[in-house]
Amino acid sequence: MSAGGAFGGNRGVRPVPPEKGVFPLDHLHECDLEKKDYLACLKSTGAQSEKCRMFSKKYLECRMERNLMAKQDMSELGFSDKDVLVTPSEENHKLQSPASDSKESK
């Protein structure tokens, strides 16, 4: 038998806690929409997380707003002011807005 124990674990080394500590799970599904948007983005981009940073930011903001994690400045979590969420529907609205604004002003 190896020195690591029956299941291969090293019994002499103490486990290291997570850097950010423990946070509650979202049992009430308060941030499900943000989570689903992020996972859908990952799926559509072939798991390229960089392309889904805006969704990740919205998810973390949701968790902080609902006290599911400690409130932190987003810059401490690797986000900047440039990481702004623009959904395809908002982008289409921006493209259509100038034309509809000119019609409304007449």
C-alpha atoms as a PDB file:
ATOM      1  CA  MET A   1       0.000   0.000   0.000  1.00  0.00           C
ATOM      2  CA  SER A   2       1.300   3.480  -0.797  1.00  0.00           C
ATOM      3  CA  ALA A   3       2.112   6.112   1.821  1.00  0.00           C
ATOM      4  CA  GLY A   4      -0.747   8.275   0.528  1.00  0.00           C
ATOM      5  CA  GLY A   5      -3.552   6.180   1.971  1.00  0.00           C
ATOM      6  CA  ALA A   6      -6.138   3.799   0.612  1.00  0.00           C
ATOM      7  CA  PHE A   7      -7.626   6.304  -1.849  1.00  0.00           C
ATOM      8  CA  GLY A   8      -4.393   7.911  -2.968  1.00  0.00           C
ATOM      9  CA  GLY A   9      -4.753  11.059  -0.866  1.00  0.00           C
ATOM     10  CA  ASN A  10      -1.755  12.505   0.939  1.00  0.00           C
ATOM     11  CA  ARG A  11      -2.787  12.437   4.591  1.00  0.00           C
ATOM     12  CA  GLY A  12       0.129  14.615   5.725  1.00  0.00           C
ATOM     13  CA  VAL A  13      -0.858  17.710   3.717  1.00  0.00           C
ATOM     14  CA  ARG A  14      -3.568  20.042   5.004  1.00  0.00           C
ATOM     15  CA  PRO A  15      -6.199  21.208   2.508  1.00  0.00           C
ATOM     16  CA  VAL A  16      -6.055  24.850   1.453  1.00  0.00           C
ATOM     17  CA  PRO A  17      -9.322  26.835   1.654  1.00  0.00           C
ATOM     18  CA  PRO A  18     -10.535  28.722  -1.418  1.00  0.00           C
ATOM     19  CA  GLU A  19      -9.058  32.190  -1.870  1.00  0.00           C
ATOM     20  CA  LYS A  20     -12.415  33.994  -1.721  1.00  0.00           C
ATOM     21  CA  GLY A  21     -13.890  31.850   1.034  1.00  0.00           C
ATOM     22  CA  VAL A  22     -17.247  30.125   1.196  1.00  0.00           C
ATOM     23  CA  PHE A  23     -20.330  31.691  -0.366  1.00  0.00           C
ATOM     24  CA  PRO A  24     -23.953  30.541  -0.330  1.00  0.00           C
ATOM     25  CA  LEU A  25     -25.415  28.633  -3.226  1.00  0.00           C
ATOM     26  CA  ASP A  26     -28.281  30.218  -5.130  1.00  0.00           C
ATOM     27  CA  HIS A  27     -30.979  27.900  -3.717  1.00  0.00           C
ATOM     28  CA  LEU A  28     -33.773  30.344  -4.634  1.00  0.00           C
ATOM     29  CA  HIS A  29     -32.506  30.638  -8.228  1.00  0.00           C
ATOM     30  CA  GLU A  30     -32.291  34.437  -7.956  1.00  0.00           C
ATOM     31  CA  CYS A  31     -29.568  34.678 -10.599  1.00  0.00           C
ATOM     32  CA  ASP A  32     -30.696  31.872 -12.911  1.00  0.00           C
ATOM     33  CA  LEU A  33     -31.321  34.173 -15.877  1.00  0.00           C
ATOM     34  CA  GLU A  34     -27.794  35.610 -15.699  1.00  0.00           C
ATOM     35  CA  LYS A  35     -26.322  32.133 -15.259  1.00  0.00           C
ATOM     36  CA  LYS A  36     -28.264  30.766 -18.235  1.00  0.00           C
ATOM     37  CA  ASP A  37     -27.215  33.715 -20.415  1.00  0.00           C
ATOM     38  CA  TYR A  38     -23.573  33.091 -19.519  1.00  0.00           C
ATOM     39  CA  LEU A  39     -23.796  29.345 -20.177  1.00  0.00           C
ATOM     40  CA  ALA A  40     -25.595  29.944 -23.486  1.00  0.00           C
ATOM     41  CA  CYS A  41     -22.840  32.351 -24.505  1.00  0.00           C
ATOM     42  CA  LEU A  42     -20.182  29.773 -23.637  1.00  0.00           C
ATOM     43  CA  LYS A  43     -22.013  27.163 -25.676  1.00  0.00           C
ATOM     44  CA  SER A  44     -22.433  29.437 -28.697  1.00  0.00           C
ATOM     45  CA  THR A  45     -18.783  30.566 -28.674  1.00  0.00           C
ATOM     46  CA  GLY A  46     -17.274  27.123 -28.204  1.00  0.00           C
ATOM     47  CA  ALA A  47     -16.366  27.774 -24.536  1.00  0.00           C
ATOM     48  CA  GLN A  48     -14.352  30.910 -25.307  1.00  0.00           C
ATOM     49  CA  SER A  49     -14.899  32.644 -21.974  1.00  0.00           C
ATOM     50  CA  GLU A  50     -13.272  35.904 -23.077  1.00  0.00           C
ATOM     51  CA  LYS A  51     -16.179  36.508 -25.463  1.00  0.00           C
ATOM     52  CA  CYS A  52     -18.634  36.044 -22.575  1.00  0.00           C
ATOM     53  CA  ARG A  53     -17.056  38.397 -20.029  1.00  0.00           C
ATOM     54  CA  MET A  54     -20.065  40.734 -20.036  1.00  0.00           C
ATOM     55  CA  PHE A  55     -22.366  37.879 -19.023  1.00  0.00           C
ATOM     56  CA  SER A  56     -19.943  36.764 -16.337  1.00  0.00           C
ATOM     57  CA  LYS A  57     -19.859  40.311 -14.972  1.00  0.00           C
ATOM     58  CA  LYS A  58     -23.670  40.513 -14.886  1.00  0.00           C
ATOM     59  CA  TYR A  59     -23.830  37.183 -13.057  1.00  0.00           C
ATOM     60  CA  LEU A  60     -21.359  38.294 -10.409  1.00  0.00           C
ATOM     61  CA  GLU A  61     -23.170  41.630 -10.009  1.00  0.00           C
ATOM     62  CA  CYS A  62     -26.437  39.728  -9.502  1.00  0.00           C
ATOM     63  CA  ARG A  63     -24.860  37.564  -6.804  1.00  0.00           C
ATOM     64  CA  MET A  64     -23.461  40.594  -5.014  1.00  0.00           C
ATOM     65  CA  GLU A  65     -26.785  42.477  -5.158  1.00  0.00           C
ATOM     66  CA  ARG A  66     -28.553  39.516  -3.544  1.00  0.00           C
ATOM     67  CA  ASN A  67     -25.851  38.920  -0.897  1.00  0.00           C
ATOM     68  CA  LEU A  68     -24.865  35.578  -2.389  1.00  0.00           C
ATOM     69  CA  MET A  69     -21.250  36.703  -2.353  1.00  0.00           C
ATOM     70  CA  ALA A  70     -19.256  39.509  -0.748  1.00  0.00           C
ATOM     71  CA  LYS A  71     -19.540  42.880  -2.469  1.00  0.00           C
ATOM     72  CA  GLN A  72     -16.326  43.791  -4.242  1.00  0.00           C
ATOM     73  CA  ASP A  73     -15.276  46.335  -6.783  1.00  0.00           C
ATOM     74  CA  MET A  74     -15.472  44.726 -10.214  1.00  0.00           C
ATOM     75  CA  SER A  75     -11.910  45.841 -10.949  1.00  0.00           C
ATOM     76  CA  GLU A  76     -10.762  43.517  -8.143  1.00  0.00           C
ATOM     77  CA  LEU A  77     -12.414  40.667 -10.022  1.00  0.00           C
ATOM     78  CA  GLY A  78     -10.653  41.448 -13.293  1.00  0.00           C
ATOM     79  CA  PHE A  79     -13.298  43.637 -14.957  1.00  0.00           C
ATOM     80  CA  SER A  80     -13.006  47.192 -16.227  1.00  0.00           C
ATOM     81  CA  ASP A  81     -15.460  49.920 -17.242  1.00  0.00           C
ATOM     82  CA  LYS A  82     -15.008  48.716 -20.829  1.00  0.00           C
ATOM     83  CA  ASP A  83     -16.740  45.434 -19.965  1.00  0.00           C
ATOM     84  CA  VAL A  84     -20.262  46.653 -20.732  1.00  0.00           C
ATOM     85  CA  LEU A  85     -23.075  44.331 -21.680  1.00  0.00           C
ATOM     86  CA  VAL A  86     -24.601  44.987 -25.098  1.00  0.00           C
ATOM     87  CA  THR A  87     -27.032  42.285 -26.146  1.00  0.00           C
ATOM     88  CA  PRO A  88     -27.851  41.681 -29.825  1.00  0.00           C
ATOM     89  CA  SER A  89     -31.366  43.078 -29.287  1.00  0.00           C
ATOM     90  CA  GLU A  90     -29.892  46.279 -27.791  1.00  0.00           C
ATOM     91  CA  GLU A  91     -27.475  46.510 -30.710  1.00  0.00           C
ATOM     92  CA  ASN A  92     -30.374  46.205 -33.178  1.00  0.00           C
ATOM     93  CA  HIS A  93     -32.282  48.834 -31.224  1.00  0.00           C
ATOM     94  CA  LYS A  94     -29.302  51.196 -31.443  1.00  0.00           C
ATOM     95  CA  LEU A  95     -29.167  50.676 -35.196  1.00  0.00           C
ATOM     96  CA  GLN A  96     -32.895  51.360 -35.555  1.00  0.00           C
ATOM     97  CA  SER A  97     -33.108  54.233 -33.042  1.00  0.00           C
ATOM     98  CA  PRO A  98     -31.850  57.110 -35.222  1.00  0.00           C
ATOM     99  CA  ALA A  99     -34.378  56.337 -37.957  1.00  0.00           C
ATOM    100  CA  SER A 100     -37.256  56.000 -35.493  1.00  0.00           C
ATOM    101  CA  ASP A 101     -36.163  59.201 -33.703  1.00  0.00           C
ATOM    102  CA  SER A 102     -36.361  61.187 -36.928  1.00  0.00           C
ATOM    103  CA  LYS A 103     -39.871  59.817 -37.624  1.00  0.00           C
ATOM    104  CA  GLU A 104     -41.035  60.723 -34.123  1.00  0.00           C
ATOM    105  CA  SER A 105     -39.757  64.300 -34.338  1.00  0.00           C
ATOM    106  CA  LYS A 106     -41.795  65.034 -37.519  1.00  0.00           C
END
